[in-house]
Amino acid sequence: ARFTVTPASVTNLTIGATVSGATPILADLVA
């Protein structure tokens, strides 16, 4: 994935994704 952030002065972020939906297909993305 390619991410953009505002303000541009941010130097790092912890990013992941969590489960949603009754019958999800893929897995969580590790933070």
PDB file of all heavy atoms in Angstrom:
ATOM      1  N   ALA A   1       0.839  -1.196   0.000  1.00  0.00           N
ATOM      2  CA  ALA A   1       0.000   0.000   0.000  1.00  0.00           C
ATOM      3  C   ALA A   1       0.879   1.252   0.000  1.00  0.00           C
ATOM      4  O   ALA A   1       2.001   1.250   0.524  1.00  0.00           O
ATOM      5  CB  ALA A   1      -0.918   0.006   1.210  1.00  0.00           C
ATOM      6  N   ARG A   2       0.342   2.288  -0.600  1.00  0.00           N
ATOM      7  CA  ARG A   2       1.019   3.584  -0.615  1.00  0.00           C
ATOM      8  C   ARG A   2       0.135   4.565   0.158  1.00  0.00           C
ATOM      9  O   ARG A   2      -1.054   4.683  -0.109  1.00  0.00           O
ATOM     10  CB  ARG A   2       1.212   4.069  -2.053  1.00  0.00           C
ATOM     11  CG  ARG A   2       1.901   5.431  -2.195  1.00  0.00           C
ATOM     12  CD  ARG A   2       2.025   5.769  -3.686  1.00  0.00           C
ATOM     13  NE  ARG A   2       2.749   7.003  -3.912  1.00  0.00           N
ATOM     14  CZ  ARG A   2       2.204   8.213  -3.949  1.00  0.00           C
ATOM     15  NH1 ARG A   2       0.877   8.334  -3.756  1.00  0.00           N
ATOM     16  NH2 ARG A   2       2.936   9.277  -4.178  1.00  0.00           N
ATOM     17  N   PHE A   3       0.729   5.247   1.127  1.00  0.00           N
ATOM     18  CA  PHE A   3      -0.037   6.142   1.988  1.00  0.00           C
ATOM     19  C   PHE A   3       0.448   7.583   1.829  1.00  0.00           C
ATOM     20  O   PHE A   3       1.633   7.828   1.594  1.00  0.00           O
ATOM     21  CB  PHE A   3       0.118   5.740   3.460  1.00  0.00           C
ATOM     22  CG  PHE A   3      -0.353   4.345   3.771  1.00  0.00           C
ATOM     23  CD1 PHE A   3       0.552   3.296   3.843  1.00  0.00           C
ATOM     24  CD2 PHE A   3      -1.697   4.082   3.981  1.00  0.00           C
ATOM     25  CE1 PHE A   3       0.127   2.013   4.129  1.00  0.00           C
ATOM     26  CE2 PHE A   3      -2.131   2.801   4.261  1.00  0.00           C
ATOM     27  CZ  PHE A   3      -1.215   1.760   4.337  1.00  0.00           C
ATOM     28  N   THR A   4      -0.484   8.495   1.970  1.00  0.00           N
ATOM     29  CA  THR A   4      -0.134   9.915   2.068  1.00  0.00           C
ATOM     30  C   THR A   4      -0.689  10.447   3.383  1.00  0.00           C
ATOM     31  O   THR A   4      -1.680   9.920   3.915  1.00  0.00           O
ATOM     32  CB  THR A   4      -0.707  10.718   0.894  1.00  0.00           C
ATOM     33  OG1 THR A   4      -2.130  10.568   0.863  1.00  0.00           O
ATOM     34  CG2 THR A   4      -0.111  10.258  -0.427  1.00  0.00           C
ATOM     35  N   VAL A   5      -0.035  11.475   3.912  1.00  0.00           N
ATOM     36  CA  VAL A   5      -0.419  11.989   5.216  1.00  0.00           C
ATOM     37  C   VAL A   5      -0.345  13.516   5.213  1.00  0.00           C
ATOM     38  O   VAL A   5       0.477  14.113   4.507  1.00  0.00           O
ATOM     39  CB  VAL A   5       0.498  11.408   6.325  1.00  0.00           C
ATOM     40  CG1 VAL A   5       1.935  11.853   6.145  1.00  0.00           C
ATOM     41  CG2 VAL A   5      -0.021  11.769   7.721  1.00  0.00           C
ATOM     42  N   THR A   6      -1.252  14.098   5.966  1.00  0.00           N
ATOM     43  CA  THR A   6      -1.257  15.545   6.182  1.00  0.00           C
ATOM     44  C   THR A   6      -1.239  15.804   7.686  1.00  0.00           C
ATOM     45  O   THR A   6      -2.014  15.188   8.422  1.00  0.00           O
ATOM     46  CB  THR A   6      -2.509  16.190   5.559  1.00  0.00           C
ATOM     47  OG1 THR A   6      -2.531  15.894   4.158  1.00  0.00           O
ATOM     48  CG2 THR A   6      -2.490  17.695   5.746  1.00  0.00           C
ATOM     49  N   PRO A   7      -0.382  16.650   8.191  1.00  0.00           N
ATOM     50  CA  PRO A   7       0.579  17.481   7.466  1.00  0.00           C
ATOM     51  C   PRO A   7       1.802  16.666   7.014  1.00  0.00           C
ATOM     52  O   PRO A   7       2.081  15.593   7.550  1.00  0.00           O
ATOM     53  CB  PRO A   7       0.973  18.536   8.499  1.00  0.00           C
ATOM     54  CG  PRO A   7       0.824  17.822   9.808  1.00  0.00           C
ATOM     55  CD  PRO A   7      -0.380  16.933   9.647  1.00  0.00           C
ATOM     56  N   ALA A   8       2.525  17.190   6.046  1.00  0.00           N
ATOM     57  CA  ALA A   8       3.680  16.493   5.486  1.00  0.00           C
ATOM     58  C   ALA A   8       4.829  16.378   6.474  1.00  0.00           C
ATOM     59  O   ALA A   8       5.794  15.664   6.215  1.00  0.00           O
ATOM     60  CB  ALA A   8       4.149  17.214   4.219  1.00  0.00           C
ATOM     61  N   SER A   9       4.715  17.043   7.601  1.00  0.00           N
ATOM     62  CA  SER A   9       5.780  16.985   8.612  1.00  0.00           C
ATOM     63  C   SER A   9       5.745  15.684   9.417  1.00  0.00           C
ATOM     64  O   SER A   9       6.697  15.366  10.136  1.00  0.00           O
ATOM     65  CB  SER A   9       5.667  18.172   9.566  1.00  0.00           C
ATOM     66  OG  SER A   9       4.391  18.190  10.192  1.00  0.00           O
ATOM     67  N   VAL A  10       4.645  14.912   9.300  1.00  0.00           N
ATOM     68  CA  VAL A  10       4.558  13.634  10.010  1.00  0.00           C
ATOM     69  C   VAL A  10       5.632  12.695   9.470  1.00  0.00           C
ATOM     70  O   VAL A  10       5.774  12.526   8.253  1.00  0.00           O
ATOM     71  CB  VAL A  10       3.161  13.004   9.829  1.00  0.00           C
ATOM     72  CG1 VAL A  10       3.128  11.602  10.435  1.00  0.00           C
ATOM     73  CG2 VAL A  10       2.104  13.888  10.458  1.00  0.00           C
ATOM     74  N   THR A  11       6.389  12.062  10.377  1.00  0.00           N
ATOM     75  CA  THR A  11       7.500  11.197   9.959  1.00  0.00           C
ATOM     76  C   THR A  11       7.212   9.715  10.113  1.00  0.00           C
ATOM     77  O   THR A  11       7.900   8.886   9.502  1.00  0.00           O
ATOM     78  CB  THR A  11       8.768  11.536  10.754  1.00  0.00           C
ATOM     79  OG1 THR A  11       8.496  11.369  12.158  1.00  0.00           O
ATOM     80  CG2 THR A  11       9.215  12.969  10.475  1.00  0.00           C
ATOM     81  N   ASN A  12       6.233   9.341  10.928  1.00  0.00           N
ATOM     82  CA  ASN A  12       5.903   7.919  11.042  1.00  0.00           C
ATOM     83  C   ASN A  12       4.516   7.744  11.645  1.00  0.00           C
ATOM     84  O   ASN A  12       4.048   8.589  12.417  1.00  0.00           O
ATOM     85  CB  ASN A  12       6.951   7.163  11.870  1.00  0.00           C
ATOM     86  CG  ASN A  12       6.904   7.529  13.343  1.00  0.00           C
ATOM     87  OD1 ASN A  12       6.199   6.902  14.130  1.00  0.00           O
ATOM     88  ND2 ASN A  12       7.650   8.573  13.721  1.00  0.00           N
ATOM     89  N   LEU A  13       3.869   6.653  11.263  1.00  0.00           N
ATOM     90  CA  LEU A  13       2.558   6.279  11.786  1.00  0.00           C
ATOM     91  C   LEU A  13       2.491   4.769  11.895  1.00  0.00           C
ATOM     92  O   LEU A  13       3.094   4.042  11.086  1.00  0.00           O
ATOM     93  CB  LEU A  13       1.430   6.763  10.872  1.00  0.00           C
ATOM     94  CG  LEU A  13       1.107   8.256  10.831  1.00  0.00           C
ATOM     95  CD1 LEU A  13       0.090   8.518   9.714  1.00  0.00           C
ATOM     96  CD2 LEU A  13       0.549   8.719  12.179  1.00  0.00           C
ATOM     97  N   THR A  14       1.735   4.283  12.866  1.00  0.00           N
ATOM     98  CA  THR A  14       1.462   2.846  12.948  1.00  0.00           C
ATOM     99  C   THR A  14       0.125   2.580  12.267  1.00  0.00           C
ATOM    100  O   THR A  14      -0.910   3.142  12.645  1.00  0.00           O
ATOM    101  CB  THR A  14       1.422   2.370  14.409  1.00  0.00           C
ATOM    102  OG1 THR A  14       2.713   2.589  14.994  1.00  0.00           O
ATOM    103  CG2 THR A  14       1.085   0.883  14.478  1.00  0.00           C
ATOM    104  N   ILE A  15       0.153   1.732  11.233  1.00  0.00           N
ATOM    105  CA  ILE A  15      -1.020   1.502  10.396  1.00  0.00           C
ATOM    106  C   ILE A  15      -1.328   0.005  10.331  1.00  0.00           C
ATOM    107  O   ILE A  15      -0.440  -0.817  10.140  1.00  0.00           O
ATOM    108  CB  ILE A  15      -0.797   2.060   8.973  1.00  0.00           C
ATOM    109  CG1 ILE A  15      -0.581   3.570   9.028  1.00  0.00           C
ATOM    110  CG2 ILE A  15      -1.965   1.708   8.049  1.00  0.00           C
ATOM    111  CD1 ILE A  15      -0.238   4.196   7.688  1.00  0.00           C
ATOM    112  N   GLY A  16      -2.589  -0.325  10.486  1.00  0.00           N
ATOM    113  CA  GLY A  16      -3.056  -1.699  10.330  1.00  0.00           C
ATOM    114  C   GLY A  16      -4.501  -1.679   9.885  1.00  0.00           C
ATOM    115  O   GLY A  16      -5.041  -0.630   9.519  1.00  0.00           O
ATOM    116  N   ALA A  17      -5.156  -2.825   9.903  1.00  0.00           N
ATOM    117  CA  ALA A  17      -6.579  -2.894   9.560  1.00  0.00           C
ATOM    118  C   ALA A  17      -7.199  -4.025  10.365  1.00  0.00           C
ATOM    119  O   ALA A  17      -6.551  -5.038  10.634  1.00  0.00           O
ATOM    120  CB  ALA A  17      -6.772  -3.130   8.062  1.00  0.00           C
ATOM    121  N   THR A  18      -8.444  -3.823  10.769  1.00  0.00           N
ATOM    122  CA  THR A  18      -9.090  -4.788  11.648  1.00  0.00           C
ATOM    123  C   THR A  18     -10.342  -5.374  11.012  1.00  0.00           C
ATOM    124  O   THR A  18     -10.918  -4.815  10.087  1.00  0.00           O
ATOM    125  CB  THR A  18      -9.462  -4.137  12.993  1.00  0.00           C
ATOM    126  OG1 THR A  18     -10.272  -2.986  12.743  1.00  0.00           O
ATOM    127  CG2 THR A  18      -8.219  -3.720  13.750  1.00  0.00           C
ATOM    128  N   VAL A  19     -10.759  -6.498  11.533  1.00  0.00           N
ATOM    129  CA  VAL A  19     -11.886  -7.237  10.994  1.00  0.00           C
ATOM    130  C   VAL A  19     -13.181  -6.443  11.065  1.00  0.00           C
ATOM    131  O   VAL A  19     -13.402  -5.682  11.992  1.00  0.00           O
ATOM    132  CB  VAL A  19     -12.051  -8.577  11.755  1.00  0.00           C
ATOM    133  CG1 VAL A  19     -12.346  -8.341  13.206  1.00  0.00           C
ATOM    134  CG2 VAL A  19     -13.107  -9.441  11.117  1.00  0.00           C
ATOM    135  N   SER A  20     -14.027  -6.613  10.055  1.00  0.00           N
ATOM    136  CA  SER A  20     -15.369  -6.052  10.101  1.00  0.00           C
ATOM    137  C   SER A  20     -16.273  -6.907   9.226  1.00  0.00           C
ATOM    138  O   SER A  20     -15.815  -7.633   8.351  1.00  0.00           O
ATOM    139  CB  SER A  20     -15.385  -4.600   9.595  1.00  0.00           C
ATOM    140  OG  SER A  20     -15.152  -4.562   8.208  1.00  0.00           O
ATOM    141  N   GLY A  21     -17.565  -6.822   9.474  1.00  0.00           N
ATOM    142  CA  GLY A  21     -18.526  -7.579   8.681  1.00  0.00           C
ATOM    143  C   GLY A  21     -18.820  -8.933   9.292  1.00  0.00           C
ATOM    144  O   GLY A  21     -18.005  -9.518  10.016  1.00  0.00           O
ATOM    145  N   ALA A  22     -20.006  -9.459   8.991  1.00  0.00           N
ATOM    146  CA  ALA A  22     -20.439 -10.735   9.572  1.00  0.00           C
ATOM    147  C   ALA A  22     -19.690 -11.915   8.992  1.00  0.00           C
ATOM    148  O   ALA A  22     -19.402 -12.887   9.683  1.00  0.00           O
ATOM    149  CB  ALA A  22     -21.946 -10.911   9.353  1.00  0.00           C
ATOM    150  N   THR A  23     -19.362 -11.842   7.676  1.00  0.00           N
ATOM    151  CA  THR A  23     -18.661 -12.950   7.025  1.00  0.00           C
ATOM    152  C   THR A  23     -17.468 -12.409   6.253  1.00  0.00           C
ATOM    153  O   THR A  23     -17.425 -12.443   5.026  1.00  0.00           O
ATOM    154  CB  THR A  23     -19.593 -13.719   6.076  1.00  0.00           C
ATOM    155  OG1 THR A  23     -20.146 -12.794   5.122  1.00  0.00           O
ATOM    156  CG2 THR A  23     -20.694 -14.414   6.829  1.00  0.00           C
ATOM    157  N   PRO A  24     -16.455 -11.894   6.968  1.00  0.00           N
ATOM    158  CA  PRO A  24     -15.292 -11.310   6.306  1.00  0.00           C
ATOM    159  C   PRO A  24     -14.486 -12.364   5.565  1.00  0.00           C
ATOM    160  O   PRO A  24     -14.549 -13.549   5.877  1.00  0.00           O
ATOM    161  CB  PRO A  24     -14.503 -10.702   7.460  1.00  0.00           C
ATOM    162  CG  PRO A  24     -14.929 -11.479   8.654  1.00  0.00           C
ATOM    163  CD  PRO A  24     -16.356 -11.834   8.433  1.00  0.00           C
ATOM    164  N   ILE A  25     -13.700 -11.907   4.590  1.00  0.00           N
ATOM    165  CA  ILE A  25     -12.984 -12.820   3.710  1.00  0.00           C
ATOM    166  C   ILE A  25     -11.497 -12.856   4.012  1.00  0.00           C
ATOM    167  O   ILE A  25     -10.904 -13.917   4.152  1.00  0.00           O
ATOM    168  CB  ILE A  25     -13.199 -12.422   2.236  1.00  0.00           C
ATOM    169  CG1 ILE A  25     -14.684 -12.500   1.889  1.00  0.00           C
ATOM    170  CG2 ILE A  25     -12.411 -13.316   1.295  1.00  0.00           C
ATOM    171  CD1 ILE A  25     -15.015 -11.911   0.536  1.00  0.00           C
ATOM    172  N   LEU A  26     -10.867 -11.686   4.105  1.00  0.00           N
ATOM    173  CA  LEU A  26      -9.436 -11.633   4.328  1.00  0.00           C
ATOM    174  C   LEU A  26      -9.123 -11.570   5.818  1.00  0.00           C
ATOM    175  O   LEU A  26     -10.002 -11.741   6.653  1.00  0.00           O
ATOM    176  CB  LEU A  26      -8.839 -10.439   3.592  1.00  0.00           C
ATOM    177  CG  LEU A  26      -8.946 -10.478   2.068  1.00  0.00           C
ATOM    178  CD1 LEU A  26      -8.311  -9.231   1.488  1.00  0.00           C
ATOM    179  CD2 LEU A  26      -8.279 -11.724   1.513  1.00  0.00           C
ATOM    180  N   ALA A  27      -7.865 -11.312   6.144  1.00  0.00           N
ATOM    181  CA  ALA A  27      -7.414 -11.270   7.522  1.00  0.00           C
ATOM    182  C   ALA A  27      -7.079  -9.846   7.932  1.00  0.00           C
ATOM    183  O   ALA A  27      -6.921  -8.958   7.095  1.00  0.00           O
ATOM    184  CB  ALA A  27      -6.196 -12.166   7.702  1.00  0.00           C
ATOM    185  N   ASP A  28      -6.988  -9.638   9.260  1.00  0.00           N
ATOM    186  CA  ASP A  28      -6.479  -8.364   9.749  1.00  0.00           C
ATOM    187  C   ASP A  28      -5.097  -8.105   9.166  1.00  0.00           C
ATOM    188  O   ASP A  28      -4.337  -9.037   8.895  1.00  0.00           O
ATOM    189  CB  ASP A  28      -6.329  -8.400  11.270  1.00  0.00           C
ATOM    190  CG  ASP A  28      -7.656  -8.344  12.002  1.00  0.00           C
ATOM    191  OD1 ASP A  28      -8.681  -8.117  11.357  1.00  0.00           O
ATOM    192  OD2 ASP A  28      -7.638  -8.546  13.227  1.00  0.00           O
ATOM    193  N   LEU A  29      -4.772  -6.829   8.961  1.00  0.00           N
ATOM    194  CA  LEU A  29      -3.406  -6.460   8.612  1.00  0.00           C
ATOM    195  C   LEU A  29      -2.660  -6.124   9.903  1.00  0.00           C
ATOM    196  O   LEU A  29      -3.137  -5.345  10.722  1.00  0.00           O
ATOM    197  CB  LEU A  29      -3.391  -5.258   7.673  1.00  0.00           C
ATOM    198  CG  LEU A  29      -3.875  -5.518   6.243  1.00  0.00           C
ATOM    199  CD1 LEU A  29      -3.894  -4.216   5.459  1.00  0.00           C
ATOM    200  CD2 LEU A  29      -2.978  -6.533   5.565  1.00  0.00           C
ATOM    201  N   VAL A  30      -1.479  -6.731  10.079  1.00  0.00           N
ATOM    202  CA  VAL A  30      -0.675  -6.515  11.278  1.00  0.00           C
ATOM    203  C   VAL A  30      -0.302  -5.039  11.371  1.00  0.00           C
ATOM    204  O   VAL A  30       0.142  -4.433  10.383  1.00  0.00           O
ATOM    205  CB  VAL A  30       0.595  -7.380  11.234  1.00  0.00           C
ATOM    206  CG1 VAL A  30       1.496  -7.063  12.432  1.00  0.00           C
ATOM    207  CG2 VAL A  30       0.227  -8.855  11.216  1.00  0.00           C
ATOM    208  N   ALA A  31      -0.513  -4.439  12.522  1.00  0.00           N
ATOM    209  CA  ALA A  31      -0.142  -3.039  12.738  1.00  0.00           C
ATOM    210  C   ALA A  31       1.357  -2.871  12.515  1.00  0.00           C
ATOM    211  O   ALA A  31       2.176  -3.578  13.122  1.00  0.00           O
ATOM    212  CB  ALA A  31      -0.528  -2.601  14.138  1.00  0.00           C
TER     213      ALA A  31
END
